[in-house]
Amino acid sequence: MSASAFVNDARVMAKGQVTIPKNVRTALGVESGDRVTFIVDGNSVRVVNSAVYALMRFQERMKGEAEKAGLRTEEDVAAWITESRREENAE
């Protein structure tokens, strides 16, 4: 277990609800109204911040796409943004 890892537990209520302990909410960066994602792998479950998980999935799917489009450096990206803005302003 890493130095930042910890263990906590919670009771499952009659309707299947669980209160996420405060230190777990803090570690996940979630607040009231935020969403969490449950990732089930066999008999283990990970709970992750849904927004962070969605961004990670998006990054996985887009891996390599920038390079295919010729965007290999930060300068390439900056040039693409500048050109895109020029095109938008020309319209």
C-alpha atoms as a PDB file:
ATOM      1  CA  MET A   1       0.000   0.000   0.000  1.00  0.00           C
ATOM      2  CA  SER A   2       1.409   3.427  -0.929  1.00  0.00           C
ATOM      3  CA  ALA A   3       2.111   6.134   1.649  1.00  0.00           C
ATOM      4  CA  SER A   4      -1.011   8.063   0.573  1.00  0.00           C
ATOM      5  CA  ALA A   5      -3.260   4.980   0.746  1.00  0.00           C
ATOM      6  CA  PHE A   6      -5.712   4.409   3.566  1.00  0.00           C
ATOM      7  CA  VAL A   7      -8.604   2.135   4.428  1.00  0.00           C
ATOM      8  CA  ASN A   8     -12.062   3.201   5.522  1.00  0.00           C
ATOM      9  CA  ASP A   9     -15.412   1.467   5.682  1.00  0.00           C
ATOM     10  CA  ALA A  10     -19.095   2.376   5.669  1.00  0.00           C
ATOM     11  CA  ARG A  11     -22.371   0.619   6.392  1.00  0.00           C
ATOM     12  CA  VAL A  12     -24.779  -0.224   3.572  1.00  0.00           C
ATOM     13  CA  MET A  13     -28.275   0.976   4.493  1.00  0.00           C
ATOM     14  CA  ALA A  14     -31.590  -0.772   3.706  1.00  0.00           C
ATOM     15  CA  LYS A  15     -31.950   0.914   0.283  1.00  0.00           C
ATOM     16  CA  GLY A  16     -28.348   0.155  -0.691  1.00  0.00           C
ATOM     17  CA  GLN A  17     -27.145   3.651   0.146  1.00  0.00           C
ATOM     18  CA  VAL A  18     -23.680   4.276   1.545  1.00  0.00           C
ATOM     19  CA  THR A  19     -22.325   7.513   2.979  1.00  0.00           C
ATOM     20  CA  ILE A  20     -18.858   8.092   1.569  1.00  0.00           C
ATOM     21  CA  PRO A  21     -16.602   8.986   4.515  1.00  0.00           C
ATOM     22  CA  LYS A  22     -15.315  12.567   4.541  1.00  0.00           C
ATOM     23  CA  ASN A  23     -11.651  11.617   4.142  1.00  0.00           C
ATOM     24  CA  VAL A  24     -12.566   9.507   1.090  1.00  0.00           C
ATOM     25  CA  ARG A  25     -14.630  12.376  -0.424  1.00  0.00           C
ATOM     26  CA  THR A  26     -11.682  14.688   0.142  1.00  0.00           C
ATOM     27  CA  ALA A  27      -9.251  12.240  -1.484  1.00  0.00           C
ATOM     28  CA  LEU A  28     -11.575  11.890  -4.500  1.00  0.00           C
ATOM     29  CA  GLY A  29     -12.211  15.621  -4.733  1.00  0.00           C
ATOM     30  CA  VAL A  30     -15.990  15.180  -4.604  1.00  0.00           C
ATOM     31  CA  GLU A  31     -18.554  17.361  -2.882  1.00  0.00           C
ATOM     32  CA  SER A  32     -22.291  17.252  -2.396  1.00  0.00           C
ATOM     33  CA  GLY A  33     -24.007  16.918  -5.783  1.00  0.00           C
ATOM     34  CA  ASP A  34     -20.936  15.535  -7.564  1.00  0.00           C
ATOM     35  CA  ARG A  35     -21.046  12.141  -9.242  1.00  0.00           C
ATOM     36  CA  VAL A  36     -18.859   9.118  -8.590  1.00  0.00           C
ATOM     37  CA  THR A  37     -18.229   6.109 -10.811  1.00  0.00           C
ATOM     38  CA  PHE A  38     -18.036   2.542  -9.529  1.00  0.00           C
ATOM     39  CA  ILE A  39     -15.571   0.329 -11.397  1.00  0.00           C
ATOM     40  CA  VAL A  40     -16.199  -3.340 -10.597  1.00  0.00           C
ATOM     41  CA  ASP A  41     -13.448  -5.864 -11.275  1.00  0.00           C
ATOM     42  CA  GLY A  42     -14.285  -9.300  -9.919  1.00  0.00           C
ATOM     43  CA  ASN A  43     -14.972  -8.885  -6.226  1.00  0.00           C
ATOM     44  CA  SER A  44     -13.188  -5.513  -6.003  1.00  0.00           C
ATOM     45  CA  VAL A  45     -14.732  -2.099  -6.551  1.00  0.00           C
ATOM     46  CA  ARG A  46     -12.993   1.227  -7.141  1.00  0.00           C
ATOM     47  CA  VAL A  47     -14.871   4.475  -6.564  1.00  0.00           C
ATOM     48  CA  VAL A  48     -13.591   7.393  -8.632  1.00  0.00           C
ATOM     49  CA  ASN A  49     -14.607  10.968  -9.302  1.00  0.00           C
ATOM     50  CA  SER A  50     -16.788  10.732 -12.437  1.00  0.00           C
ATOM     51  CA  ALA A  51     -15.403  13.929 -13.977  1.00  0.00           C
ATOM     52  CA  VAL A  52     -11.817  12.743 -13.547  1.00  0.00           C
ATOM     53  CA  TYR A  53     -12.714   9.289 -14.879  1.00  0.00           C
ATOM     54  CA  ALA A  54     -14.426  10.756 -17.962  1.00  0.00           C
ATOM     55  CA  LEU A  55     -11.369  12.902 -18.700  1.00  0.00           C
ATOM     56  CA  MET A  56      -9.062   9.882 -18.329  1.00  0.00           C
ATOM     57  CA  ARG A  57     -11.222   7.850 -20.725  1.00  0.00           C
ATOM     58  CA  PHE A  58     -11.272  10.724 -23.222  1.00  0.00           C
ATOM     59  CA  GLN A  59      -7.483  11.043 -23.041  1.00  0.00           C
ATOM     60  CA  GLU A  60      -7.125   7.296 -23.640  1.00  0.00           C
ATOM     61  CA  ARG A  61      -9.351   7.441 -26.721  1.00  0.00           C
ATOM     62  CA  MET A  62      -7.562  10.484 -28.124  1.00  0.00           C
ATOM     63  CA  LYS A  63      -4.059   9.102 -27.547  1.00  0.00           C
ATOM     64  CA  GLY A  64      -2.047   9.479 -30.737  1.00  0.00           C
ATOM     65  CA  GLU A  65      -4.663  11.587 -32.544  1.00  0.00           C
ATOM     66  CA  ALA A  66      -2.767  14.862 -32.138  1.00  0.00           C
ATOM     67  CA  GLU A  67       0.330  13.320 -33.668  1.00  0.00           C
ATOM     68  CA  LYS A  68      -1.732  12.020 -36.599  1.00  0.00           C
ATOM     69  CA  ALA A  69      -2.942  15.598 -37.124  1.00  0.00           C
ATOM     70  CA  GLY A  70       0.648  16.873 -37.147  1.00  0.00           C
ATOM     71  CA  LEU A  71       0.525  18.372 -33.646  1.00  0.00           C
ATOM     72  CA  ARG A  72       3.751  17.095 -32.121  1.00  0.00           C
ATOM     73  CA  THR A  73       4.899  20.039 -29.981  1.00  0.00           C
ATOM     74  CA  GLU A  74       3.358  22.811 -27.910  1.00  0.00           C
ATOM     75  CA  GLU A  75       4.416  25.190 -30.688  1.00  0.00           C
ATOM     76  CA  ASP A  76       2.414  23.128 -33.199  1.00  0.00           C
ATOM     77  CA  VAL A  77      -0.653  23.383 -30.973  1.00  0.00           C
ATOM     78  CA  ALA A  78      -0.171  27.136 -30.462  1.00  0.00           C
ATOM     79  CA  ALA A  79       0.150  27.655 -34.224  1.00  0.00           C
ATOM     80  CA  TRP A  80      -2.998  25.587 -34.828  1.00  0.00           C
ATOM     81  CA  ILE A  81      -4.933  27.664 -32.259  1.00  0.00           C
ATOM     82  CA  THR A  82      -3.714  30.919 -33.814  1.00  0.00           C
ATOM     83  CA  GLU A  83      -4.710  29.770 -37.305  1.00  0.00           C
ATOM     84  CA  SER A  84      -8.111  28.568 -36.078  1.00  0.00           C
ATOM     85  CA  ARG A  85      -8.788  31.947 -34.459  1.00  0.00           C
ATOM     86  CA  ARG A  86      -7.804  33.755 -37.650  1.00  0.00           C
ATOM     87  CA  GLU A  87     -10.235  31.581 -39.612  1.00  0.00           C
ATOM     88  CA  GLU A  88     -13.042  32.252 -37.107  1.00  0.00           C
ATOM     89  CA  ASN A  89     -12.428  36.009 -37.213  1.00  0.00           C
ATOM     90  CA  ALA A  90     -12.389  35.983 -41.024  1.00  0.00           C
ATOM     91  CA  GLU A  91     -15.922  34.537 -41.146  1.00  0.00           C
END
